[in-house]
Amino acid sequence: MSNETSTKNIIEIMKRQFESSESKNIFCTDNQLYFNTNTDIAIQKLKDKLSLLSKSDIDCIIRHYRNSFLEQFYKVDQYIYFSKDAEFIIERICMALLQDLQNTNLTNKELEYRHYDRIRKLIKITNPAIFHINNNTNPQAHHFVCSEYSADFLIQLLALDKQRLTEPILDIGCGRNANLINYMRNIGIEAYRIDRNIPNFTDDTLFNTDWFEFDYGVSKWGTIISNLSFCSHFLYHHLQNDELANTYAYKFMEILNSLKIGGTWIYAPSIPFFEDLLPKEKYTIKRIKINEDFSRSEIIKLM
């Protein structure tokens, strides 16, 4: 079996393992995640082949593992967050697994435990709220799933009138299909979008990155839009009283600073606990009630 074949086989095995583990609760106190039958069988066949893999083969496997890992967790819980440092640790987790697989003294059950224990430790450190929510007997992880909204729905919800939108426009958390920004660009509006989970992006209007990693610039955007994305995450981490809320507060101010004078940030849900702290001489804040439990906000930068 060639190295190329071995690499493809390992990636296929990983794919099937991720599929069989989808939505399962890694912190379930009654159950632990386990390798499926296909993985168990493949481990025995591949042990001798792993030492023959080249550095480029290993790098390819690790990239696939990292991307599949992130996709799996983000698909189940939109509020989970992995920084670039955490992504590096995810890669190290994969490397440690590959090294363990070559240890003939470890049984498959020991391999399972060591691998999933590394993941549990990473999530407990980087996303303690996720651990607290899922540390129970439920075998299924708690779901906070992203939704994809149509352009018409977002235009109505956020009252996006073309005549009062100042270009360029940035949509933070545009979704995989970027429906709103695609619509705007089709009618001639200069618009850009950010999302951490966009497949096969090819144009320079789309930034496939996390909103913490993106460089918003200074006095750059005429209008910023975010619906059930940045501010709903900020609210979530504030209510969970976790340290990430402070990171959101700093990033919130960075986003405001990226507006042009007279520019507007339009978002939902409103976050009065932070909006009320903004200096009134620098920002005008307007909240519009949509229903009993939900409102949107518009912040205009004055200076």
C-alpha atoms as a PDB file:
ATOM      1  CA  MET A   1       0.000   0.000   0.000  1.00  0.00           C
ATOM      2  CA  SER A   2       1.498   3.366  -1.060  1.00  0.00           C
ATOM      3  CA  ASN A   3       1.818   6.342   1.277  1.00  0.00           C
ATOM      4  CA  GLU A   4      -0.789   8.185  -0.793  1.00  0.00           C
ATOM      5  CA  THR A   5      -3.225   5.317  -0.383  1.00  0.00           C
ATOM      6  CA  SER A   6      -2.509   5.113   3.356  1.00  0.00           C
ATOM      7  CA  THR A   7      -3.118   8.841   3.739  1.00  0.00           C
ATOM      8  CA  LYS A   8      -6.412   8.660   1.847  1.00  0.00           C
ATOM      9  CA  ASN A   9      -7.477   5.670   3.936  1.00  0.00           C
ATOM     10  CA  ILE A  10      -6.687   7.447   7.195  1.00  0.00           C
ATOM     11  CA  ILE A  11      -8.632  10.555   6.106  1.00  0.00           C
ATOM     12  CA  GLU A  12     -11.597   8.385   5.112  1.00  0.00           C
ATOM     13  CA  ILE A  13     -11.460   6.575   8.480  1.00  0.00           C
ATOM     14  CA  MET A  14     -11.389   9.928  10.280  1.00  0.00           C
ATOM     15  CA  LYS A  15     -14.356  11.131   8.225  1.00  0.00           C
ATOM     16  CA  ARG A  16     -16.433   8.095   9.188  1.00  0.00           C
ATOM     17  CA  GLN A  17     -15.403   8.400  12.830  1.00  0.00           C
ATOM     18  CA  PHE A  18     -16.444  12.055  12.952  1.00  0.00           C
ATOM     19  CA  GLU A  19     -19.770  11.121  11.340  1.00  0.00           C
ATOM     20  CA  SER A  20     -20.431   8.373  13.898  1.00  0.00           C
ATOM     21  CA  SER A  21     -19.566  10.747  16.758  1.00  0.00           C
ATOM     22  CA  GLU A  22     -21.669  13.650  15.501  1.00  0.00           C
ATOM     23  CA  SER A  23     -23.800  15.340  18.196  1.00  0.00           C
ATOM     24  CA  LYS A  24     -22.630  12.947  20.915  1.00  0.00           C
ATOM     25  CA  ASN A  25     -21.829  14.412  24.304  1.00  0.00           C
ATOM     26  CA  ILE A  26     -18.125  14.040  25.019  1.00  0.00           C
ATOM     27  CA  PHE A  27     -18.771  14.945  28.682  1.00  0.00           C
ATOM     28  CA  CYS A  28     -21.591  12.449  29.257  1.00  0.00           C
ATOM     29  CA  THR A  29     -21.025  10.970  32.717  1.00  0.00           C
ATOM     30  CA  ASP A  30     -22.571   7.600  31.789  1.00  0.00           C
ATOM     31  CA  ASN A  31     -21.006   7.100  28.359  1.00  0.00           C
ATOM     32  CA  GLN A  32     -17.693   7.860  26.748  1.00  0.00           C
ATOM     33  CA  LEU A  33     -17.210   8.303  23.040  1.00  0.00           C
ATOM     34  CA  TYR A  34     -15.732   5.272  21.347  1.00  0.00           C
ATOM     35  CA  PHE A  35     -14.087   4.262  18.103  1.00  0.00           C
ATOM     36  CA  ASN A  36     -16.562   2.696  15.713  1.00  0.00           C
ATOM     37  CA  THR A  37     -16.054  -0.805  14.318  1.00  0.00           C
ATOM     38  CA  ASN A  38     -14.523   0.499  11.110  1.00  0.00           C
ATOM     39  CA  THR A  39     -11.934   2.483  13.089  1.00  0.00           C
ATOM     40  CA  ASP A  40     -11.148  -0.458  15.355  1.00  0.00           C
ATOM     41  CA  ILE A  41     -10.453  -2.730  12.401  1.00  0.00           C
ATOM     42  CA  ALA A  42      -8.482  -0.093  10.502  1.00  0.00           C
ATOM     43  CA  ILE A  43      -6.193   0.650  13.452  1.00  0.00           C
ATOM     44  CA  GLN A  44      -4.774  -2.856  13.342  1.00  0.00           C
ATOM     45  CA  LYS A  45      -4.213  -2.696   9.589  1.00  0.00           C
ATOM     46  CA  LEU A  46      -2.574   0.736   9.576  1.00  0.00           C
ATOM     47  CA  LYS A  47      -0.248   0.513  12.569  1.00  0.00           C
ATOM     48  CA  ASP A  48       2.733  -0.625  10.488  1.00  0.00           C
ATOM     49  CA  LYS A  49       2.029   1.940   7.772  1.00  0.00           C
ATOM     50  CA  LEU A  50       2.034   5.060   9.964  1.00  0.00           C
ATOM     51  CA  SER A  51       5.802   5.104  10.460  1.00  0.00           C
ATOM     52  CA  LEU A  52       6.257   5.197   6.663  1.00  0.00           C
ATOM     53  CA  LEU A  53       4.261   8.387   6.162  1.00  0.00           C
ATOM     54  CA  SER A  54       6.151  11.461   5.008  1.00  0.00           C
ATOM     55  CA  LYS A  55       5.947  14.853   6.724  1.00  0.00           C
ATOM     56  CA  SER A  56       3.662  16.135   3.949  1.00  0.00           C
ATOM     57  CA  ASP A  57       1.385  13.101   4.434  1.00  0.00           C
ATOM     58  CA  ILE A  58       1.178  13.769   8.173  1.00  0.00           C
ATOM     59  CA  ASP A  59       0.567  17.489   7.606  1.00  0.00           C
ATOM     60  CA  CYS A  60      -2.289  16.622   5.228  1.00  0.00           C
ATOM     61  CA  ILE A  61      -3.879  14.289   7.798  1.00  0.00           C
ATOM     62  CA  ILE A  62      -3.525  16.860  10.576  1.00  0.00           C
ATOM     63  CA  ARG A  63      -5.111  19.638   8.478  1.00  0.00           C
ATOM     64  CA  HIS A  64      -8.021  17.367   7.643  1.00  0.00           C
ATOM     65  CA  TYR A  65      -8.458  16.446  11.299  1.00  0.00           C
ATOM     66  CA  ARG A  66      -8.366  20.087  12.456  1.00  0.00           C
ATOM     67  CA  ASN A  67     -10.889  21.229   9.849  1.00  0.00           C
ATOM     68  CA  SER A  68     -13.226  18.295  10.532  1.00  0.00           C
ATOM     69  CA  PHE A  69     -12.928  18.854  14.289  1.00  0.00           C
ATOM     70  CA  LEU A  70     -13.890  22.530  13.997  1.00  0.00           C
ATOM     71  CA  GLU A  71     -16.726  21.827  11.572  1.00  0.00           C
ATOM     72  CA  GLN A  72     -18.122  19.135  13.859  1.00  0.00           C
ATOM     73  CA  PHE A  73     -18.179  21.281  16.989  1.00  0.00           C
ATOM     74  CA  TYR A  74     -19.377  24.472  15.275  1.00  0.00           C
ATOM     75  CA  LYS A  75     -22.196  22.529  13.633  1.00  0.00           C
ATOM     76  CA  VAL A  76     -23.529  21.403  17.017  1.00  0.00           C
ATOM     77  CA  ASP A  77     -22.912  24.535  19.086  1.00  0.00           C
ATOM     78  CA  GLN A  78     -22.464  27.950  17.461  1.00  0.00           C
ATOM     79  CA  TYR A  79     -21.289  29.440  20.764  1.00  0.00           C
ATOM     80  CA  ILE A  80     -18.188  27.293  21.084  1.00  0.00           C
ATOM     81  CA  TYR A  81     -14.993  29.155  20.249  1.00  0.00           C
ATOM     82  CA  PHE A  82     -11.513  27.959  19.385  1.00  0.00           C
ATOM     83  CA  SER A  83      -8.772  30.558  19.048  1.00  0.00           C
ATOM     84  CA  LYS A  84      -5.759  30.125  16.768  1.00  0.00           C
ATOM     85  CA  ASP A  85      -3.848  28.835  19.795  1.00  0.00           C
ATOM     86  CA  ALA A  86      -6.601  26.286  20.428  1.00  0.00           C
ATOM     87  CA  GLU A  87      -6.508  25.240  16.773  1.00  0.00           C
ATOM     88  CA  PHE A  88      -2.788  24.548  17.195  1.00  0.00           C
ATOM     89  CA  ILE A  89      -3.601  22.331  20.198  1.00  0.00           C
ATOM     90  CA  ILE A  90      -6.205  20.494  18.095  1.00  0.00           C
ATOM     91  CA  GLU A  91      -3.458  19.734  15.608  1.00  0.00           C
ATOM     92  CA  ARG A  92      -1.241  18.491  18.466  1.00  0.00           C
ATOM     93  CA  ILE A  93      -4.087  16.237  19.598  1.00  0.00           C
ATOM     94  CA  CYS A  94      -4.132  14.659  16.162  1.00  0.00           C
ATOM     95  CA  MET A  95      -0.367  14.244  16.205  1.00  0.00           C
ATOM     96  CA  ALA A  96      -0.528  12.620  19.627  1.00  0.00           C
ATOM     97  CA  LEU A  97      -3.144  10.183  18.316  1.00  0.00           C
ATOM     98  CA  LEU A  98      -0.947   9.244  15.362  1.00  0.00           C
ATOM     99  CA  GLN A  99       1.930   8.630  17.744  1.00  0.00           C
ATOM    100  CA  ASP A 100      -0.234   6.560  20.093  1.00  0.00           C
ATOM    101  CA  LEU A 101      -1.438   4.462  17.172  1.00  0.00           C
ATOM    102  CA  GLN A 102       2.144   3.311  16.631  1.00  0.00           C
ATOM    103  CA  ASN A 103       2.469   2.186  20.248  1.00  0.00           C
ATOM    104  CA  THR A 104       1.839  -1.555  20.158  1.00  0.00           C
ATOM    105  CA  ASN A 105       1.457  -1.658  23.937  1.00  0.00           C
ATOM    106  CA  LEU A 106      -1.766   0.375  23.860  1.00  0.00           C
ATOM    107  CA  THR A 107      -5.108  -1.341  23.380  1.00  0.00           C
ATOM    108  CA  ASN A 108      -7.834   0.306  21.313  1.00  0.00           C
ATOM    109  CA  LYS A 109      -9.740   1.138  24.489  1.00  0.00           C
ATOM    110  CA  GLU A 110      -6.669   2.877  25.890  1.00  0.00           C
ATOM    111  CA  LEU A 111      -6.253   4.760  22.601  1.00  0.00           C
ATOM    112  CA  GLU A 112      -9.865   5.890  22.798  1.00  0.00           C
ATOM    113  CA  TYR A 113      -9.558   7.119  26.355  1.00  0.00           C
ATOM    114  CA  ARG A 114      -6.295   8.989  25.782  1.00  0.00           C
ATOM    115  CA  HIS A 115      -7.595  10.671  22.640  1.00  0.00           C
ATOM    116  CA  TYR A 116     -10.974  11.796  23.963  1.00  0.00           C
ATOM    117  CA  ASP A 117      -9.493  12.808  27.289  1.00  0.00           C
ATOM    118  CA  ARG A 118      -7.207  15.253  25.484  1.00  0.00           C
ATOM    119  CA  ILE A 119     -10.243  16.735  23.722  1.00  0.00           C
ATOM    120  CA  ARG A 120     -12.208  16.995  26.975  1.00  0.00           C
ATOM    121  CA  LYS A 121      -9.328  18.835  28.652  1.00  0.00           C
ATOM    122  CA  LEU A 122      -9.058  21.272  25.731  1.00  0.00           C
ATOM    123  CA  ILE A 123     -12.768  22.134  25.815  1.00  0.00           C
ATOM    124  CA  LYS A 124     -12.861  22.460  29.607  1.00  0.00           C
ATOM    125  CA  ILE A 125     -10.043  25.007  29.418  1.00  0.00           C
ATOM    126  CA  THR A 126     -11.123  26.937  26.316  1.00  0.00           C
ATOM    127  CA  ASN A 127     -14.926  26.678  26.646  1.00  0.00           C
ATOM    128  CA  PRO A 128     -15.821  26.084  30.305  1.00  0.00           C
ATOM    129  CA  ALA A 129     -19.471  27.015  29.709  1.00  0.00           C
ATOM    130  CA  ILE A 130     -19.773  24.175  27.184  1.00  0.00           C
ATOM    131  CA  PHE A 131     -18.403  21.762  29.773  1.00  0.00           C
ATOM    132  CA  HIS A 132     -20.841  22.905  32.468  1.00  0.00           C
ATOM    133  CA  ILE A 133     -23.838  22.651  30.134  1.00  0.00           C
ATOM    134  CA  ASN A 134     -22.927  19.134  28.955  1.00  0.00           C
ATOM    135  CA  ASN A 135     -21.472  17.564  32.102  1.00  0.00           C
ATOM    136  CA  ASN A 136     -24.470  15.307  32.704  1.00  0.00           C
ATOM    137  CA  THR A 137     -25.994  11.946  31.770  1.00  0.00           C
ATOM    138  CA  ASN A 138     -27.378  13.090  28.411  1.00  0.00           C
ATOM    139  CA  PRO A 139     -25.570  11.156  25.646  1.00  0.00           C
ATOM    140  CA  GLN A 140     -26.421  13.918  23.148  1.00  0.00           C
ATOM    141  CA  ALA A 141     -24.634  17.254  23.316  1.00  0.00           C
ATOM    142  CA  HIS A 142     -26.736  20.342  23.940  1.00  0.00           C
ATOM    143  CA  HIS A 143     -27.459  21.991  20.581  1.00  0.00           C
ATOM    144  CA  PHE A 144     -27.217  25.694  19.780  1.00  0.00           C
ATOM    145  CA  VAL A 145     -27.429  25.491  16.015  1.00  0.00           C
ATOM    146  CA  CYS A 146     -26.854  28.330  13.534  1.00  0.00           C
ATOM    147  CA  SER A 147     -29.670  29.190  11.152  1.00  0.00           C
ATOM    148  CA  GLU A 148     -29.438  30.446   7.587  1.00  0.00           C
ATOM    149  CA  TYR A 149     -31.829  33.332   6.903  1.00  0.00           C
ATOM    150  CA  SER A 150     -33.059  34.646   3.585  1.00  0.00           C
ATOM    151  CA  ALA A 151     -32.111  38.129   2.402  1.00  0.00           C
ATOM    152  CA  ASP A 152     -35.777  39.218   2.513  1.00  0.00           C
ATOM    153  CA  PHE A 153     -36.131  38.129   6.139  1.00  0.00           C
ATOM    154  CA  LEU A 154     -32.966  39.985   7.219  1.00  0.00           C
ATOM    155  CA  ILE A 155     -33.906  43.131   5.327  1.00  0.00           C
ATOM    156  CA  GLN A 156     -37.262  43.187   7.110  1.00  0.00           C
ATOM    157  CA  LEU A 157     -35.908  42.254  10.547  1.00  0.00           C
ATOM    158  CA  LEU A 158     -33.111  44.825  10.502  1.00  0.00           C
ATOM    159  CA  ALA A 159     -35.057  47.444   8.479  1.00  0.00           C
ATOM    160  CA  LEU A 160     -32.296  47.704   5.893  1.00  0.00           C
ATOM    161  CA  ASP A 161     -33.348  50.530   3.579  1.00  0.00           C
ATOM    162  CA  LYS A 162     -30.982  50.853   0.614  1.00  0.00           C
ATOM    163  CA  GLN A 163     -31.346  54.643   0.672  1.00  0.00           C
ATOM    164  CA  ARG A 164     -29.907  54.946   4.185  1.00  0.00           C
ATOM    165  CA  LEU A 165     -27.177  52.314   3.983  1.00  0.00           C
ATOM    166  CA  THR A 166     -23.732  53.879   3.662  1.00  0.00           C
ATOM    167  CA  GLU A 167     -21.124  51.939   1.737  1.00  0.00           C
ATOM    168  CA  PRO A 168     -18.993  49.950   2.110  1.00  0.00           C
ATOM    169  CA  ILE A 169     -21.069  47.450   4.073  1.00  0.00           C
ATOM    170  CA  LEU A 170     -19.721  44.610   6.217  1.00  0.00           C
ATOM    171  CA  ASP A 171     -21.835  41.643   7.378  1.00  0.00           C
ATOM    172  CA  ILE A 172     -20.339  39.957  10.460  1.00  0.00           C
ATOM    173  CA  GLY A 173     -21.375  36.296  10.598  1.00  0.00           C
ATOM    174  CA  CYS A 174     -22.927  36.198   7.137  1.00  0.00           C
ATOM    175  CA  GLY A 175     -23.618  32.426   7.144  1.00  0.00           C
ATOM    176  CA  ARG A 176     -22.392  29.758   4.756  1.00  0.00           C
ATOM    177  CA  ASN A 177     -24.439  31.083   1.825  1.00  0.00           C
ATOM    178  CA  ALA A 178     -24.062  34.813   2.599  1.00  0.00           C
ATOM    179  CA  ASN A 179     -27.608  35.409   1.335  1.00  0.00           C
ATOM    180  CA  LEU A 180     -27.892  39.050   2.375  1.00  0.00           C
ATOM    181  CA  ILE A 181     -24.575  40.235   0.979  1.00  0.00           C
ATOM    182  CA  ASN A 182     -25.031  38.304  -2.260  1.00  0.00           C
ATOM    183  CA  TYR A 183     -28.356  40.091  -2.689  1.00  0.00           C
ATOM    184  CA  MET A 184     -26.784  43.481  -1.975  1.00  0.00           C
ATOM    185  CA  ARG A 185     -23.922  42.971  -4.398  1.00  0.00           C
ATOM    186  CA  ASN A 186     -26.372  41.857  -7.084  1.00  0.00           C
ATOM    187  CA  ILE A 187     -28.124  45.221  -6.845  1.00  0.00           C
ATOM    188  CA  GLY A 188     -24.848  47.137  -7.018  1.00  0.00           C
ATOM    189  CA  ILE A 189     -24.055  47.771  -3.339  1.00  0.00           C
ATOM    190  CA  GLU A 190     -20.418  47.490  -2.235  1.00  0.00           C
ATOM    191  CA  ALA A 191     -20.654  44.847   0.452  1.00  0.00           C
ATOM    192  CA  TYR A 192     -18.334  42.359   2.183  1.00  0.00           C
ATOM    193  CA  ARG A 193     -18.831  39.433   4.545  1.00  0.00           C
ATOM    194  CA  ILE A 194     -17.135  37.488   7.354  1.00  0.00           C
ATOM    195  CA  ASP A 195     -17.835  33.955   8.503  1.00  0.00           C
ATOM    196  CA  ARG A 196     -15.685  31.223  10.019  1.00  0.00           C
ATOM    197  CA  ASN A 197     -17.402  28.410   8.182  1.00  0.00           C
ATOM    198  CA  ILE A 198     -17.623  29.251   4.489  1.00  0.00           C
ATOM    199  CA  PRO A 199     -16.771  26.457   2.050  1.00  0.00           C
ATOM    200  CA  ASN A 200     -14.833  27.059  -1.146  1.00  0.00           C
ATOM    201  CA  PHE A 201     -14.579  30.828  -0.903  1.00  0.00           C
ATOM    202  CA  THR A 202     -12.962  32.373  -3.969  1.00  0.00           C
ATOM    203  CA  ASP A 203     -13.591  36.126  -4.120  1.00  0.00           C
ATOM    204  CA  ASP A 204     -12.125  39.094  -2.284  1.00  0.00           C
ATOM    205  CA  THR A 205     -15.480  40.235  -0.875  1.00  0.00           C
ATOM    206  CA  LEU A 206     -15.612  37.264   1.460  1.00  0.00           C
ATOM    207  CA  PHE A 207     -13.401  36.733   4.502  1.00  0.00           C
ATOM    208  CA  ASN A 208     -13.306  33.148   5.745  1.00  0.00           C
ATOM    209  CA  THR A 209     -12.158  33.898   9.273  1.00  0.00           C
ATOM    210  CA  ASP A 210     -13.301  34.274  12.857  1.00  0.00           C
ATOM    211  CA  TRP A 211     -14.584  37.688  13.906  1.00  0.00           C
ATOM    212  CA  PHE A 212     -11.873  37.821  16.583  1.00  0.00           C
ATOM    213  CA  GLU A 213      -9.118  37.343  14.001  1.00  0.00           C
ATOM    214  CA  PHE A 214     -10.407  39.795  11.385  1.00  0.00           C
ATOM    215  CA  ASP A 215      -8.739  43.193  11.035  1.00  0.00           C
ATOM    216  CA  TYR A 216     -11.675  45.633  10.877  1.00  0.00           C
ATOM    217  CA  GLY A 217      -9.491  48.676  10.293  1.00  0.00           C
ATOM    218  CA  VAL A 218     -10.180  52.226  11.483  1.00  0.00           C
ATOM    219  CA  SER A 219     -12.930  54.497  10.095  1.00  0.00           C
ATOM    220  CA  LYS A 220     -13.381  52.057   7.227  1.00  0.00           C
ATOM    221  CA  TRP A 221     -17.022  50.886   7.089  1.00  0.00           C
ATOM    222  CA  GLY A 222     -20.131  52.921   6.331  1.00  0.00           C
ATOM    223  CA  THR A 223     -22.518  50.246   7.633  1.00  0.00           C
ATOM    224  CA  ILE A 224     -21.913  47.109   9.674  1.00  0.00           C
ATOM    225  CA  ILE A 225     -24.609  44.429   9.946  1.00  0.00           C
ATOM    226  CA  SER A 226     -24.813  41.433  12.278  1.00  0.00           C
ATOM    227  CA  ASN A 227     -27.901  39.369  12.991  1.00  0.00           C
ATOM    228  CA  LEU A 228     -27.882  36.690  15.689  1.00  0.00           C
ATOM    229  CA  SER A 229     -24.132  36.484  15.386  1.00  0.00           C
ATOM    230  CA  PHE A 230     -21.591  38.630  17.221  1.00  0.00           C
ATOM    231  CA  CYS A 231     -23.953  40.235  19.734  1.00  0.00           C
ATOM    232  CA  SER A 232     -25.912  37.058  20.481  1.00  0.00           C
ATOM    233  CA  HIS A 233     -22.575  35.392  21.268  1.00  0.00           C
ATOM    234  CA  PHE A 234     -21.564  38.361  23.421  1.00  0.00           C
ATOM    235  CA  LEU A 235     -24.871  38.086  25.292  1.00  0.00           C
ATOM    236  CA  TYR A 236     -24.484  34.328  25.715  1.00  0.00           C
ATOM    237  CA  HIS A 237     -20.996  34.568  27.227  1.00  0.00           C
ATOM    238  CA  HIS A 238     -22.065  37.500  29.412  1.00  0.00           C
ATOM    239  CA  LEU A 239     -24.947  35.433  30.842  1.00  0.00           C
ATOM    240  CA  GLN A 240     -22.609  32.460  31.331  1.00  0.00           C
ATOM    241  CA  ASN A 241     -20.272  34.816  33.209  1.00  0.00           C
ATOM    242  CA  ASP A 242     -17.228  33.408  31.466  1.00  0.00           C
ATOM    243  CA  GLU A 243     -13.984  35.192  30.638  1.00  0.00           C
ATOM    244  CA  LEU A 244     -14.685  35.289  26.911  1.00  0.00           C
ATOM    245  CA  ALA A 245     -17.253  38.040  27.553  1.00  0.00           C
ATOM    246  CA  ASN A 246     -14.349  40.438  28.202  1.00  0.00           C
ATOM    247  CA  THR A 247     -12.857  39.540  24.816  1.00  0.00           C
ATOM    248  CA  TYR A 248     -16.202  40.345  23.194  1.00  0.00           C
ATOM    249  CA  ALA A 249     -16.292  43.714  24.966  1.00  0.00           C
ATOM    250  CA  TYR A 250     -12.892  44.718  23.576  1.00  0.00           C
ATOM    251  CA  LYS A 251     -13.809  43.475  20.106  1.00  0.00           C
ATOM    252  CA  PHE A 252     -17.142  45.358  20.276  1.00  0.00           C
ATOM    253  CA  MET A 253     -15.247  48.614  20.745  1.00  0.00           C
ATOM    254  CA  GLU A 254     -12.847  47.713  17.927  1.00  0.00           C
ATOM    255  CA  ILE A 255     -15.807  47.169  15.600  1.00  0.00           C
ATOM    256  CA  LEU A 256     -17.322  50.533  16.580  1.00  0.00           C
ATOM    257  CA  ASN A 257     -13.955  52.179  15.937  1.00  0.00           C
ATOM    258  CA  SER A 258     -13.937  50.706  12.427  1.00  0.00           C
ATOM    259  CA  LEU A 259     -17.044  52.722  11.488  1.00  0.00           C
ATOM    260  CA  LYS A 260     -16.678  55.930   9.523  1.00  0.00           C
ATOM    261  CA  ILE A 261     -17.947  59.102  11.193  1.00  0.00           C
ATOM    262  CA  GLY A 262     -21.704  58.922  10.710  1.00  0.00           C
ATOM    263  CA  GLY A 263     -21.514  55.184  10.052  1.00  0.00           C
ATOM    264  CA  THR A 264     -24.005  52.758  11.601  1.00  0.00           C
ATOM    265  CA  TRP A 265     -23.794  49.327  13.174  1.00  0.00           C
ATOM    266  CA  ILE A 266     -27.156  47.540  12.906  1.00  0.00           C
ATOM    267  CA  TYR A 267     -27.549  44.308  14.844  1.00  0.00           C
ATOM    268  CA  ALA A 268     -29.841  42.004  16.782  1.00  0.00           C
ATOM    269  CA  PRO A 269     -30.308  41.129  19.556  1.00  0.00           C
ATOM    270  CA  SER A 270     -29.753  44.324  21.505  1.00  0.00           C
ATOM    271  CA  ILE A 271     -27.309  44.185  24.418  1.00  0.00           C
ATOM    272  CA  PRO A 272     -28.383  46.971  26.804  1.00  0.00           C
ATOM    273  CA  PHE A 273     -25.939  45.836  29.515  1.00  0.00           C
ATOM    274  CA  PHE A 274     -23.092  47.078  27.314  1.00  0.00           C
ATOM    275  CA  GLU A 275     -24.788  49.657  25.092  1.00  0.00           C
ATOM    276  CA  ASP A 276     -25.688  51.756  28.148  1.00  0.00           C
ATOM    277  CA  LEU A 277     -21.978  52.079  28.985  1.00  0.00           C
ATOM    278  CA  LEU A 278     -21.066  53.723  25.676  1.00  0.00           C
ATOM    279  CA  PRO A 279     -20.205  57.452  25.843  1.00  0.00           C
ATOM    280  CA  LYS A 280     -23.193  59.445  24.600  1.00  0.00           C
ATOM    281  CA  GLU A 281     -21.007  62.159  23.101  1.00  0.00           C
ATOM    282  CA  LYS A 282     -19.481  59.587  20.729  1.00  0.00           C
ATOM    283  CA  TYR A 283     -22.440  57.360  19.851  1.00  0.00           C
ATOM    284  CA  THR A 284     -26.165  57.602  19.265  1.00  0.00           C
ATOM    285  CA  ILE A 285     -27.961  54.390  20.257  1.00  0.00           C
ATOM    286  CA  LYS A 286     -31.432  53.444  19.081  1.00  0.00           C
ATOM    287  CA  ARG A 287     -33.268  50.272  20.152  1.00  0.00           C
ATOM    288  CA  ILE A 288     -36.273  49.033  18.232  1.00  0.00           C
ATOM    289  CA  LYS A 289     -38.498  46.463  19.891  1.00  0.00           C
ATOM    290  CA  ILE A 290     -39.434  43.593  17.592  1.00  0.00           C
ATOM    291  CA  ASN A 291     -41.411  41.533  20.110  1.00  0.00           C
ATOM    292  CA  GLU A 292     -41.659  41.109  23.882  1.00  0.00           C
ATOM    293  CA  ASP A 293     -38.269  39.400  24.162  1.00  0.00           C
ATOM    294  CA  PHE A 294     -36.305  40.679  21.209  1.00  0.00           C
ATOM    295  CA  SER A 295     -35.054  44.012  19.902  1.00  0.00           C
ATOM    296  CA  ARG A 296     -32.514  45.281  17.421  1.00  0.00           C
ATOM    297  CA  SER A 297     -30.063  48.127  17.914  1.00  0.00           C
ATOM    298  CA  GLU A 298     -28.591  50.806  15.700  1.00  0.00           C
ATOM    299  CA  ILE A 299     -25.437  52.590  16.835  1.00  0.00           C
ATOM    300  CA  ILE A 300     -24.275  55.686  14.937  1.00  0.00           C
ATOM    301  CA  LYS A 301     -20.691  56.862  15.384  1.00  0.00           C
ATOM    302  CA  LEU A 302     -20.667  60.632  15.974  1.00  0.00           C
ATOM    303  CA  MET A 303     -16.939  61.339  16.296  1.00  0.00           C
END
